[in-house]
């Protein structure tokens, strides 16, 4: 599992990633709430890009957000990351449980 995390963990110097905008907290929260409420993982990308999960202005914006979120949370070890973030999202977007995992 540690080897999996090393593939996605940020190792560079602090950056915009650590801000609300850089971390895509709202978008990540909204996606994992949808998954927690029964959205199938295989349908998540299509719904995200179609604007059914987030209503950002352009398809390119949603595509960029999806690529970032997918890389951070879905591309490596989804068998434990997805359930953990779905459960944490039940506590709220600004909860310690959710923020500590994002």
PDB file of N, CA and C in Angstrom:
ATOM      1  N   UNK A   1       0.823  -1.191   0.000  1.00  0.00           N
ATOM      2  CA  UNK A   1       0.000   0.000   0.000  1.00  0.00           C
ATOM      3  C   UNK A   1       0.866   1.254   0.000  1.00  0.00           C
ATOM      4  N   UNK A   2       1.953   1.267   0.772  1.00  0.00           N
ATOM      5  CA  UNK A   2       2.840   2.427   0.815  1.00  0.00           C
ATOM      6  C   UNK A   2       3.417   2.692  -0.569  1.00  0.00           C
ATOM      7  N   UNK A   3       3.753   1.651  -1.298  1.00  0.00           N
ATOM      8  CA  UNK A   3       4.271   1.826  -2.654  1.00  0.00           C
ATOM      9  C   UNK A   3       3.239   2.514  -3.535  1.00  0.00           C
ATOM     10  N   UNK A   4       1.968   2.174  -3.362  1.00  0.00           N
ATOM     11  CA  UNK A   4       0.897   2.826  -4.130  1.00  0.00           C
ATOM     12  C   UNK A   4       0.865   4.319  -3.829  1.00  0.00           C
ATOM     13  N   UNK A   5       0.941   4.671  -2.570  1.00  0.00           N
ATOM     14  CA  UNK A   5       0.866   6.077  -2.184  1.00  0.00           C
ATOM     15  C   UNK A   5       2.032   6.877  -2.735  1.00  0.00           C
ATOM     16  N   UNK A   6       3.186   6.269  -2.827  1.00  0.00           N
ATOM     17  CA  UNK A   6       4.347   7.006  -3.330  1.00  0.00           C
ATOM     18  C   UNK A   6       4.160   7.432  -4.781  1.00  0.00           C
ATOM     19  N   UNK A   7       3.266   6.787  -5.497  1.00  0.00           N
ATOM     20  CA  UNK A   7       3.007   7.144  -6.889  1.00  0.00           C
ATOM     21  C   UNK A   7       2.170   8.414  -7.018  1.00  0.00           C
ATOM     22  N   UNK A   8       1.387   8.747  -6.001  1.00  0.00           N
ATOM     23  CA  UNK A   8       0.492   9.901  -6.104  1.00  0.00           C
ATOM     24  C   UNK A   8       0.809  11.012  -5.118  1.00  0.00           C
ATOM     25  N   UNK A   9       1.613  10.747  -4.118  1.00  0.00           N
ATOM     26  CA  UNK A   9       1.908  11.735  -3.083  1.00  0.00           C
ATOM     27  C   UNK A   9       2.725  12.877  -3.655  1.00  0.00           C
ATOM     28  N   UNK A  10       2.333  14.105  -3.325  1.00  0.00           N
ATOM     29  CA  UNK A  10       3.093  15.288  -3.733  1.00  0.00           C
ATOM     30  C   UNK A  10       4.393  15.331  -2.943  1.00  0.00           C
ATOM     31  N   UNK A  11       5.510  15.434  -3.631  1.00  0.00           N
ATOM     32  CA  UNK A  11       6.798  15.477  -2.936  1.00  0.00           C
ATOM     33  C   UNK A  11       7.538  16.782  -3.174  1.00  0.00           C
ATOM     34  N   UNK A  12       6.967  17.651  -3.989  1.00  0.00           N
ATOM     35  CA  UNK A  12       7.611  18.927  -4.282  1.00  0.00           C
ATOM     36  C   UNK A  12       7.417  19.934  -3.163  1.00  0.00           C
ATOM     37  N   UNK A  13       7.931  21.128  -3.388  1.00  0.00           N
ATOM     38  CA  UNK A  13       7.778  22.185  -2.395  1.00  0.00           C
ATOM     39  C   UNK A  13       6.320  22.631  -2.327  1.00  0.00           C
ATOM     40  N   UNK A  14       5.912  23.250  -1.205  1.00  0.00           N
ATOM     41  CA  UNK A  14       4.530  23.713  -1.073  1.00  0.00           C
ATOM     42  C   UNK A  14       4.149  24.616  -2.247  1.00  0.00           C
ATOM     43  N   UNK A  15       2.902  24.493  -2.674  1.00  0.00           N
ATOM     44  CA  UNK A  15       2.456  25.245  -3.840  1.00  0.00           C
ATOM     45  C   UNK A  15       0.971  25.544  -3.723  1.00  0.00           C
ATOM     46  N   UNK A  16       0.385  25.954  -4.826  1.00  0.00           N
ATOM     47  CA  UNK A  16      -1.042  26.241  -4.873  1.00  0.00           C
ATOM     48  C   UNK A  16      -1.869  24.988  -4.568  1.00  0.00           C
ATOM     49  N   UNK A  17      -1.276  23.813  -4.676  1.00  0.00           N
ATOM     50  CA  UNK A  17      -1.977  22.570  -4.356  1.00  0.00           C
ATOM     51  C   UNK A  17      -2.586  22.631  -2.961  1.00  0.00           C
ATOM     52  N   UNK A  18      -1.903  23.303  -2.058  1.00  0.00           N
ATOM     53  CA  UNK A  18      -2.353  23.344  -0.671  1.00  0.00           C
ATOM     54  C   UNK A  18      -3.416  24.401  -0.399  1.00  0.00           C
ATOM     55  N   UNK A  19      -3.879  25.087  -1.401  1.00  0.00           N
ATOM     56  CA  UNK A  19      -4.960  26.050  -1.219  1.00  0.00           C
ATOM     57  C   UNK A  19      -6.268  25.399  -1.619  1.00  0.00           C
ATOM     58  N   UNK A  20      -7.375  26.027  -1.246  1.00  0.00           N
ATOM     59  CA  UNK A  20      -8.677  25.450  -1.580  1.00  0.00           C
ATOM     60  C   UNK A  20      -8.811  25.247  -3.082  1.00  0.00           C
ATOM     61  N   UNK A  21      -8.424  26.197  -3.871  1.00  0.00           N
ATOM     62  CA  UNK A  21      -8.557  26.098  -5.323  1.00  0.00           C
ATOM     63  C   UNK A  21      -7.639  25.013  -5.874  1.00  0.00           C
ATOM     64  N   UNK A  22      -6.421  24.982  -5.407  1.00  0.00           N
ATOM     65  CA  UNK A  22      -5.478  23.990  -5.903  1.00  0.00           C
ATOM     66  C   UNK A  22      -5.852  22.572  -5.528  1.00  0.00           C
ATOM     67  N   UNK A  23      -6.429  22.406  -4.372  1.00  0.00           N
ATOM     68  CA  UNK A  23      -6.794  21.075  -3.911  1.00  0.00           C
ATOM     69  C   UNK A  23      -8.118  20.596  -4.493  1.00  0.00           C
ATOM     70  N   UNK A  24      -8.876  21.496  -5.132  1.00  0.00           N
ATOM     71  CA  UNK A  24     -10.188  21.154  -5.686  1.00  0.00           C
ATOM     72  C   UNK A  24     -11.082  20.513  -4.626  1.00  0.00           C
ATOM     73  N   UNK A  25     -11.098  21.096  -3.437  1.00  0.00           N
ATOM     74  CA  UNK A  25     -11.848  20.514  -2.326  1.00  0.00           C
ATOM     75  C   UNK A  25     -13.332  20.378  -2.625  1.00  0.00           C
ATOM     76  N   UNK A  26     -13.948  21.424  -3.127  1.00  0.00           N
ATOM     77  CA  UNK A  26     -15.388  21.371  -3.397  1.00  0.00           C
ATOM     78  C   UNK A  26     -15.711  20.308  -4.449  1.00  0.00           C
ATOM     79  N   UNK A  27     -14.937  20.275  -5.506  1.00  0.00           N
ATOM     80  CA  UNK A  27     -15.172  19.319  -6.582  1.00  0.00           C
ATOM     81  C   UNK A  27     -14.918  17.881  -6.123  1.00  0.00           C
ATOM     82  N   UNK A  28     -13.859  17.689  -5.354  1.00  0.00           N
ATOM     83  CA  UNK A  28     -13.551  16.359  -4.830  1.00  0.00           C
ATOM     84  C   UNK A  28     -14.645  15.904  -3.878  1.00  0.00           C
ATOM     85  N   UNK A  29     -15.068  16.805  -3.002  1.00  0.00           N
ATOM     86  CA  UNK A  29     -16.140  16.482  -2.064  1.00  0.00           C
ATOM     87  C   UNK A  29     -17.417  16.099  -2.813  1.00  0.00           C
ATOM     88  N   UNK A  30     -17.792  16.904  -3.796  1.00  0.00           N
ATOM     89  CA  UNK A  30     -19.021  16.659  -4.539  1.00  0.00           C
ATOM     90  C   UNK A  30     -18.968  15.313  -5.262  1.00  0.00           C
ATOM     91  N   UNK A  31     -17.833  14.980  -5.841  1.00  0.00           N
ATOM     92  CA  UNK A  31     -17.678  13.687  -6.512  1.00  0.00           C
ATOM     93  C   UNK A  31     -17.839  12.538  -5.526  1.00  0.00           C
ATOM     94  N   UNK A  32     -17.164  12.603  -4.389  1.00  0.00           N
ATOM     95  CA  UNK A  32     -17.227  11.487  -3.448  1.00  0.00           C
ATOM     96  C   UNK A  32     -18.568  11.405  -2.727  1.00  0.00           C
ATOM     97  N   UNK A  33     -19.279  12.509  -2.613  1.00  0.00           N
ATOM     98  CA  UNK A  33     -20.657  12.447  -2.092  1.00  0.00           C
ATOM     99  C   UNK A  33     -21.538  11.711  -3.096  1.00  0.00           C
ATOM    100  N   UNK A  34     -21.359  11.999  -4.386  1.00  0.00           N
ATOM    101  CA  UNK A  34     -22.140  11.306  -5.417  1.00  0.00           C
ATOM    102  C   UNK A  34     -21.843   9.803  -5.397  1.00  0.00           C
ATOM    103  N   UNK A  35     -20.573   9.442  -5.256  1.00  0.00           N
ATOM    104  CA  UNK A  35     -20.209   8.030  -5.174  1.00  0.00           C
ATOM    105  C   UNK A  35     -20.789   7.397  -3.910  1.00  0.00           C
ATOM    106  N   UNK A  36     -20.749   8.112  -2.800  1.00  0.00           N
ATOM    107  CA  UNK A  36     -21.306   7.602  -1.546  1.00  0.00           C
ATOM    108  C   UNK A  36     -22.817   7.412  -1.642  1.00  0.00           C
ATOM    109  N   UNK A  37     -23.458   8.219  -2.479  1.00  0.00           N
ATOM    110  CA  UNK A  37     -24.914   8.136  -2.647  1.00  0.00           C
ATOM    111  C   UNK A  37     -25.328   7.153  -3.734  1.00  0.00           C
ATOM    112  N   UNK A  38     -24.389   6.364  -4.237  1.00  0.00           N
ATOM    113  CA  UNK A  38     -24.745   5.289  -5.143  1.00  0.00           C
ATOM    114  C   UNK A  38     -24.296   5.415  -6.587  1.00  0.00           C
ATOM    115  N   UNK A  39     -23.675   6.528  -6.965  1.00  0.00           N
ATOM    116  CA  UNK A  39     -23.157   6.639  -8.331  1.00  0.00           C
ATOM    117  C   UNK A  39     -22.091   5.571  -8.526  1.00  0.00           C
ATOM    118  N   UNK A  40     -22.211   4.807  -9.583  1.00  0.00           N
ATOM    119  CA  UNK A  40     -21.225   3.762  -9.862  1.00  0.00           C
ATOM    120  C   UNK A  40     -19.924   4.400 -10.346  1.00  0.00           C
ATOM    121  N   UNK A  41     -18.826   3.825  -9.915  1.00  0.00           N
ATOM    122  CA  UNK A  41     -17.517   4.371 -10.278  1.00  0.00           C
ATOM    123  C   UNK A  41     -17.345   4.449 -11.793  1.00  0.00           C
ATOM    124  N   UNK A  42     -17.843   3.453 -12.503  1.00  0.00           N
ATOM    125  CA  UNK A  42     -17.683   3.451 -13.961  1.00  0.00           C
ATOM    126  C   UNK A  42     -18.516   4.536 -14.651  1.00  0.00           C
ATOM    127  N   UNK A  43     -19.515   5.089 -13.955  1.00  0.00           N
ATOM    128  CA  UNK A  43     -20.340   6.173 -14.505  1.00  0.00           C
ATOM    129  C   UNK A  43     -19.868   7.558 -14.057  1.00  0.00           C
ATOM    130  N   UNK A  44     -18.927   7.599 -13.128  1.00  0.00           N
ATOM    131  CA  UNK A  44     -18.514   8.869 -12.523  1.00  0.00           C
ATOM    132  C   UNK A  44     -17.886   9.824 -13.535  1.00  0.00           C
ATOM    133  N   UNK A  45     -17.004   9.336 -14.368  1.00  0.00           N
ATOM    134  CA  UNK A  45     -16.326  10.214 -15.335  1.00  0.00           C
ATOM    135  C   UNK A  45     -17.333  10.857 -16.279  1.00  0.00           C
ATOM    136  N   UNK A  46     -18.208  10.059 -16.838  1.00  0.00           N
ATOM    137  CA  UNK A  46     -19.205  10.581 -17.779  1.00  0.00           C
ATOM    138  C   UNK A  46     -20.081  11.638 -17.106  1.00  0.00           C
ATOM    139  N   UNK A  47     -20.552  11.351 -15.906  1.00  0.00           N
ATOM    140  CA  UNK A  47     -21.405  12.300 -15.182  1.00  0.00           C
ATOM    141  C   UNK A  47     -20.637  13.568 -14.818  1.00  0.00           C
ATOM    142  N   UNK A  48     -19.390  13.419 -14.421  1.00  0.00           N
ATOM    143  CA  UNK A  48     -18.560  14.567 -14.060  1.00  0.00           C
ATOM    144  C   UNK A  48     -18.359  15.472 -15.267  1.00  0.00           C
ATOM    145  N   UNK A  49     -17.978  14.884 -16.397  1.00  0.00           N
ATOM    146  CA  UNK A  49     -17.709  15.669 -17.603  1.00  0.00           C
ATOM    147  C   UNK A  49     -18.976  16.274 -18.199  1.00  0.00           C
ATOM    148  N   UNK A  50     -20.109  15.616 -17.997  1.00  0.00           N
ATOM    149  CA  UNK A  50     -21.382  16.126 -18.520  1.00  0.00           C
ATOM    150  C   UNK A  50     -21.948  17.262 -17.672  1.00  0.00           C
ATOM    151  N   UNK A  51     -21.304  17.546 -16.549  1.00  0.00           N
ATOM    152  CA  UNK A  51     -21.783  18.621 -15.685  1.00  0.00           C
ATOM    153  C   UNK A  51     -22.883  18.184 -14.741  1.00  0.00           C
ATOM    154  N   UNK A  52     -23.055  16.881 -14.566  1.00  0.00           N
ATOM    155  CA  UNK A  52     -24.080  16.365 -13.668  1.00  0.00           C
ATOM    156  C   UNK A  52     -23.616  16.351 -12.213  1.00  0.00           C
ATOM    157  N   UNK A  53     -22.318  16.377 -11.995  1.00  0.00           N
ATOM    158  CA  UNK A  53     -21.778  16.365 -10.631  1.00  0.00           C
ATOM    159  C   UNK A  53     -21.323  17.758 -10.235  1.00  0.00           C
ATOM    160  N   UNK A  54     -20.564  18.394 -11.079  1.00  0.00           N
ATOM    161  CA  UNK A  54     -20.191  19.794 -10.850  1.00  0.00           C
ATOM    162  C   UNK A  54     -20.687  20.600 -12.038  1.00  0.00           C
ATOM    163  N   UNK A  55     -21.075  21.812 -11.784  1.00  0.00           N
ATOM    164  CA  UNK A  55     -21.610  22.661 -12.842  1.00  0.00           C
ATOM    165  C   UNK A  55     -20.639  23.794 -13.163  1.00  0.00           C
ATOM    166  N   UNK A  56     -19.437  23.445 -13.529  1.00  0.00           N
ATOM    167  CA  UNK A  56     -18.462  24.452 -13.939  1.00  0.00           C
ATOM    168  C   UNK A  56     -18.747  24.826 -15.382  1.00  0.00           C
ATOM    169  N   UNK A  57     -18.337  26.034 -15.760  1.00  0.00           N
ATOM    170  CA  UNK A  57     -18.711  26.614 -17.036  1.00  0.00           C
ATOM    171  C   UNK A  57     -18.415  25.834 -18.294  1.00  0.00           C
ATOM    172  N   UNK A  58     -17.230  25.274 -18.413  1.00  0.00           N
ATOM    173  CA  UNK A  58     -16.881  24.662 -19.687  1.00  0.00           C
ATOM    174  C   UNK A  58     -16.504  23.197 -19.518  1.00  0.00           C
ATOM    175  N   UNK A  59     -16.642  22.486 -20.608  1.00  0.00           N
ATOM    176  CA  UNK A  59     -16.249  21.083 -20.637  1.00  0.00           C
ATOM    177  C   UNK A  59     -14.763  20.949 -20.338  1.00  0.00           C
ATOM    178  N   UNK A  60     -13.948  21.839 -20.896  1.00  0.00           N
ATOM    179  CA  UNK A  60     -12.491  21.775 -20.670  1.00  0.00           C
ATOM    180  C   UNK A  60     -12.136  21.952 -19.192  1.00  0.00           C
ATOM    181  N   UNK A  61     -12.856  22.821 -18.505  1.00  0.00           N
ATOM    182  CA  UNK A  61     -12.617  23.001 -17.070  1.00  0.00           C
ATOM    183  C   UNK A  61     -12.939  21.715 -16.330  1.00  0.00           C
ATOM    184  N   UNK A  62     -14.089  21.130 -16.628  1.00  0.00           N
ATOM    185  CA  UNK A  62     -14.471  19.873 -15.973  1.00  0.00           C
ATOM    186  C   UNK A  62     -13.484  18.761 -16.321  1.00  0.00           C
ATOM    187  N   UNK A  63     -13.014  18.735 -17.557  1.00  0.00           N
ATOM    188  CA  UNK A  63     -12.042  17.730 -17.986  1.00  0.00           C
ATOM    189  C   UNK A  63     -10.723  17.876 -17.218  1.00  0.00           C
ATOM    190  N   UNK A  64     -10.288  19.106 -17.034  1.00  0.00           N
ATOM    191  CA  UNK A  64      -9.064  19.378 -16.282  1.00  0.00           C
ATOM    192  C   UNK A  64      -9.221  18.964 -14.817  1.00  0.00           C
ATOM    193  N   UNK A  65     -10.366  19.313 -14.221  1.00  0.00           N
ATOM    194  CA  UNK A  65     -10.627  18.939 -12.831  1.00  0.00           C
ATOM    195  C   UNK A  65     -10.676  17.419 -12.693  1.00  0.00           C
ATOM    196  N   UNK A  66     -11.357  16.748 -13.636  1.00  0.00           N
ATOM    197  CA  UNK A  66     -11.448  15.289 -13.576  1.00  0.00           C
ATOM    198  C   UNK A  66     -10.052  14.664 -13.644  1.00  0.00           C
ATOM    199  N   UNK A  67      -9.220  15.135 -14.556  1.00  0.00           N
ATOM    200  CA  UNK A  67      -7.873  14.576 -14.698  1.00  0.00           C
ATOM    201  C   UNK A  67      -7.087  14.705 -13.398  1.00  0.00           C
ATOM    202  N   UNK A  68      -7.219  15.848 -12.743  1.00  0.00           N
ATOM    203  CA  UNK A  68      -6.503  16.071 -11.482  1.00  0.00           C
ATOM    204  C   UNK A  68      -7.035  15.159 -10.386  1.00  0.00           C
ATOM    205  N   UNK A  69      -8.346  15.116 -10.224  1.00  0.00           N
ATOM    206  CA  UNK A  69      -8.954  14.286  -9.177  1.00  0.00           C
ATOM    207  C   UNK A  69      -8.684  12.810  -9.455  1.00  0.00           C
ATOM    208  N   UNK A  70      -8.802  12.401 -10.703  1.00  0.00           N
ATOM    209  CA  UNK A  70      -8.544  11.006 -11.061  1.00  0.00           C
ATOM    210  C   UNK A  70      -7.109  10.616 -10.701  1.00  0.00           C
ATOM    211  N   UNK A  71      -6.165  11.469 -11.055  1.00  0.00           N
ATOM    212  CA  UNK A  71      -4.759  11.171 -10.754  1.00  0.00           C
ATOM    213  C   UNK A  71      -4.527  11.074  -9.246  1.00  0.00           C
ATOM    214  N   UNK A  72      -5.105  11.985  -8.497  1.00  0.00           N
ATOM    215  CA  UNK A  72      -4.860  12.021  -7.050  1.00  0.00           C
ATOM    216  C   UNK A  72      -5.524  10.882  -6.292  1.00  0.00           C
ATOM    217  N   UNK A  73      -6.743  10.510  -6.682  1.00  0.00           N
ATOM    218  CA  UNK A  73      -7.533   9.614  -5.831  1.00  0.00           C
ATOM    219  C   UNK A  73      -8.013   8.329  -6.489  1.00  0.00           C
ATOM    220  N   UNK A  74      -8.119   8.270  -7.789  1.00  0.00           N
ATOM    221  CA  UNK A  74      -8.748   7.116  -8.426  1.00  0.00           C
ATOM    222  C   UNK A  74      -7.792   6.233  -9.211  1.00  0.00           C
ATOM    223  N   UNK A  75      -6.629   6.746  -9.570  1.00  0.00           N
ATOM    224  CA  UNK A  75      -5.728   5.975 -10.427  1.00  0.00           C
ATOM    225  C   UNK A  75      -4.900   4.939  -9.674  1.00  0.00           C
ATOM    226  N   UNK A  76      -4.712   5.125  -8.399  1.00  0.00           N
ATOM    227  CA  UNK A  76      -3.890   4.218  -7.602  1.00  0.00           C
ATOM    228  C   UNK A  76      -4.677   3.777  -6.367  1.00  0.00           C
ATOM    229  N   UNK A  77      -4.727   2.502  -6.109  1.00  0.00           N
ATOM    230  CA  UNK A  77      -5.375   1.933  -4.915  1.00  0.00           C
ATOM    231  C   UNK A  77      -6.835   2.347  -4.737  1.00  0.00           C
ATOM    232  N   UNK A  78      -7.642   2.357  -5.790  1.00  0.00           N
ATOM    233  CA  UNK A  78      -9.032   2.786  -5.609  1.00  0.00           C
ATOM    234  C   UNK A  78      -9.825   1.873  -4.684  1.00  0.00           C
ATOM    235  N   UNK A  79      -9.346   0.648  -4.477  1.00  0.00           N
ATOM    236  CA  UNK A  79     -10.093  -0.285  -3.630  1.00  0.00           C
ATOM    237  C   UNK A  79     -10.190   0.180  -2.182  1.00  0.00           C
ATOM    238  N   UNK A  80      -9.314   1.042  -1.726  1.00  0.00           N
ATOM    239  CA  UNK A  80      -9.460   1.574  -0.366  1.00  0.00           C
ATOM    240  C   UNK A  80      -9.624   3.082  -0.345  1.00  0.00           C
ATOM    241  N   UNK A  81      -9.114   3.792  -1.342  1.00  0.00           N
ATOM    242  CA  UNK A  81      -9.236   5.251  -1.355  1.00  0.00           C
ATOM    243  C   UNK A  81     -10.685   5.676  -1.533  1.00  0.00           C
ATOM    244  N   UNK A  82     -11.375   5.063  -2.485  1.00  0.00           N
ATOM    245  CA  UNK A  82     -12.758   5.465  -2.764  1.00  0.00           C
ATOM    246  C   UNK A  82     -13.663   5.252  -1.556  1.00  0.00           C
ATOM    247  N   UNK A  83     -13.692   4.061  -0.943  1.00  0.00           N
ATOM    248  CA  UNK A  83     -14.559   3.900   0.236  1.00  0.00           C
ATOM    249  C   UNK A  83     -14.177   4.831   1.393  1.00  0.00           C
ATOM    250  N   UNK A  84     -12.882   5.068   1.580  1.00  0.00           N
ATOM    251  CA  UNK A  84     -12.452   5.948   2.672  1.00  0.00           C
ATOM    252  C   UNK A  84     -12.925   7.378   2.451  1.00  0.00           C
ATOM    253  N   UNK A  85     -12.790   7.890   1.220  1.00  0.00           N
ATOM    254  CA  UNK A  85     -13.238   9.253   0.938  1.00  0.00           C
ATOM    255  C   UNK A  85     -14.759   9.358   0.910  1.00  0.00           C
ATOM    256  N   UNK A  86     -15.436   8.315   0.457  1.00  0.00           N
ATOM    257  CA  UNK A  86     -16.907   8.322   0.499  1.00  0.00           C
ATOM    258  C   UNK A  86     -17.388   8.408   1.945  1.00  0.00           C
ATOM    259  N   UNK A  87     -16.798   7.616   2.804  1.00  0.00           N
ATOM    260  CA  UNK A  87     -17.178   7.635   4.222  1.00  0.00           C
ATOM    261  C   UNK A  87     -16.844   8.982   4.854  1.00  0.00           C
ATOM    262  N   UNK A  88     -15.660   9.501   4.577  1.00  0.00           N
ATOM    263  CA  UNK A  88     -15.251  10.791   5.143  1.00  0.00           C
ATOM    264  C   UNK A  88     -16.142  11.925   4.655  1.00  0.00           C
ATOM    265  N   UNK A  89     -16.624  11.833   3.425  1.00  0.00           N
ATOM    266  CA  UNK A  89     -17.474  12.906   2.884  1.00  0.00           C
ATOM    267  C   UNK A  89     -18.798  13.012   3.625  1.00  0.00           C
ATOM    268  N   UNK A  90     -19.211  11.955   4.293  1.00  0.00           N
ATOM    269  CA  UNK A  90     -20.460  11.985   5.069  1.00  0.00           C
ATOM    270  C   UNK A  90     -20.372  12.951   6.244  1.00  0.00           C
ATOM    271  N   UNK A  91     -19.160  13.305   6.640  1.00  0.00           N
ATOM    272  CA  UNK A  91     -18.960  14.215   7.772  1.00  0.00           C
ATOM    273  C   UNK A  91     -18.956  15.678   7.352  1.00  0.00           C
ATOM    274  N   UNK A  92     -18.979  15.942   6.051  1.00  0.00           N
ATOM    275  CA  UNK A  92     -19.014  17.317   5.555  1.00  0.00           C
ATOM    276  C   UNK A  92     -17.728  17.721   4.870  1.00  0.00           C
ATOM    277  N   UNK A  93     -17.869  18.702   3.991  1.00  0.00           N
ATOM    278  CA  UNK A  93     -16.739  19.158   3.178  1.00  0.00           C
ATOM    279  C   UNK A  93     -15.606  19.735   4.013  1.00  0.00           C
ATOM    280  N   UNK A  94     -15.922  20.394   5.098  1.00  0.00           N
ATOM    281  CA  UNK A  94     -14.888  21.026   5.916  1.00  0.00           C
ATOM    282  C   UNK A  94     -14.544  20.224   7.166  1.00  0.00           C
ATOM    283  N   UNK A  95     -14.984  18.976   7.208  1.00  0.00           N
ATOM    284  CA  UNK A  95     -14.716  18.143   8.381  1.00  0.00           C
ATOM    285  C   UNK A  95     -13.254  17.689   8.403  1.00  0.00           C
ATOM    286  N   UNK A  96     -12.769  17.434   9.590  1.00  0.00           N
ATOM    287  CA  UNK A  96     -11.412  16.911   9.747  1.00  0.00           C
ATOM    288  C   UNK A  96     -11.280  15.575   9.034  1.00  0.00           C
ATOM    289  N   UNK A  97     -12.327  14.757   9.116  1.00  0.00           N
ATOM    290  CA  UNK A  97     -12.289  13.438   8.486  1.00  0.00           C
ATOM    291  C   UNK A  97     -12.046  13.545   6.982  1.00  0.00           C
ATOM    292  N   UNK A  98     -12.740  14.478   6.334  1.00  0.00           N
ATOM    293  CA  UNK A  98     -12.589  14.626   4.885  1.00  0.00           C
ATOM    294  C   UNK A  98     -11.289  15.342   4.533  1.00  0.00           C
ATOM    295  N   UNK A  99     -11.033  16.451   5.180  1.00  0.00           N
ATOM    296  CA  UNK A  99      -9.850  17.254   4.838  1.00  0.00           C
ATOM    297  C   UNK A  99      -8.546  16.505   5.083  1.00  0.00           C
ATOM    298  N   UNK A 100      -8.523  15.639   6.084  1.00  0.00           N
ATOM    299  CA  UNK A 100      -7.281  14.915   6.376  1.00  0.00           C
ATOM    300  C   UNK A 100      -6.932  13.898   5.289  1.00  0.00           C
ATOM    301  N   UNK A 101      -7.898  13.533   4.466  1.00  0.00           N
ATOM    302  CA  UNK A 101      -7.645  12.573   3.392  1.00  0.00           C
ATOM    303  C   UNK A 101      -7.435  13.221   2.033  1.00  0.00           C
ATOM    304  N   UNK A 102      -7.703  14.531   1.928  1.00  0.00           N
ATOM    305  CA  UNK A 102      -7.608  15.173   0.615  1.00  0.00           C
ATOM    306  C   UNK A 102      -6.338  15.945   0.429  1.00  0.00           C
TER     307      UNK A 102
END
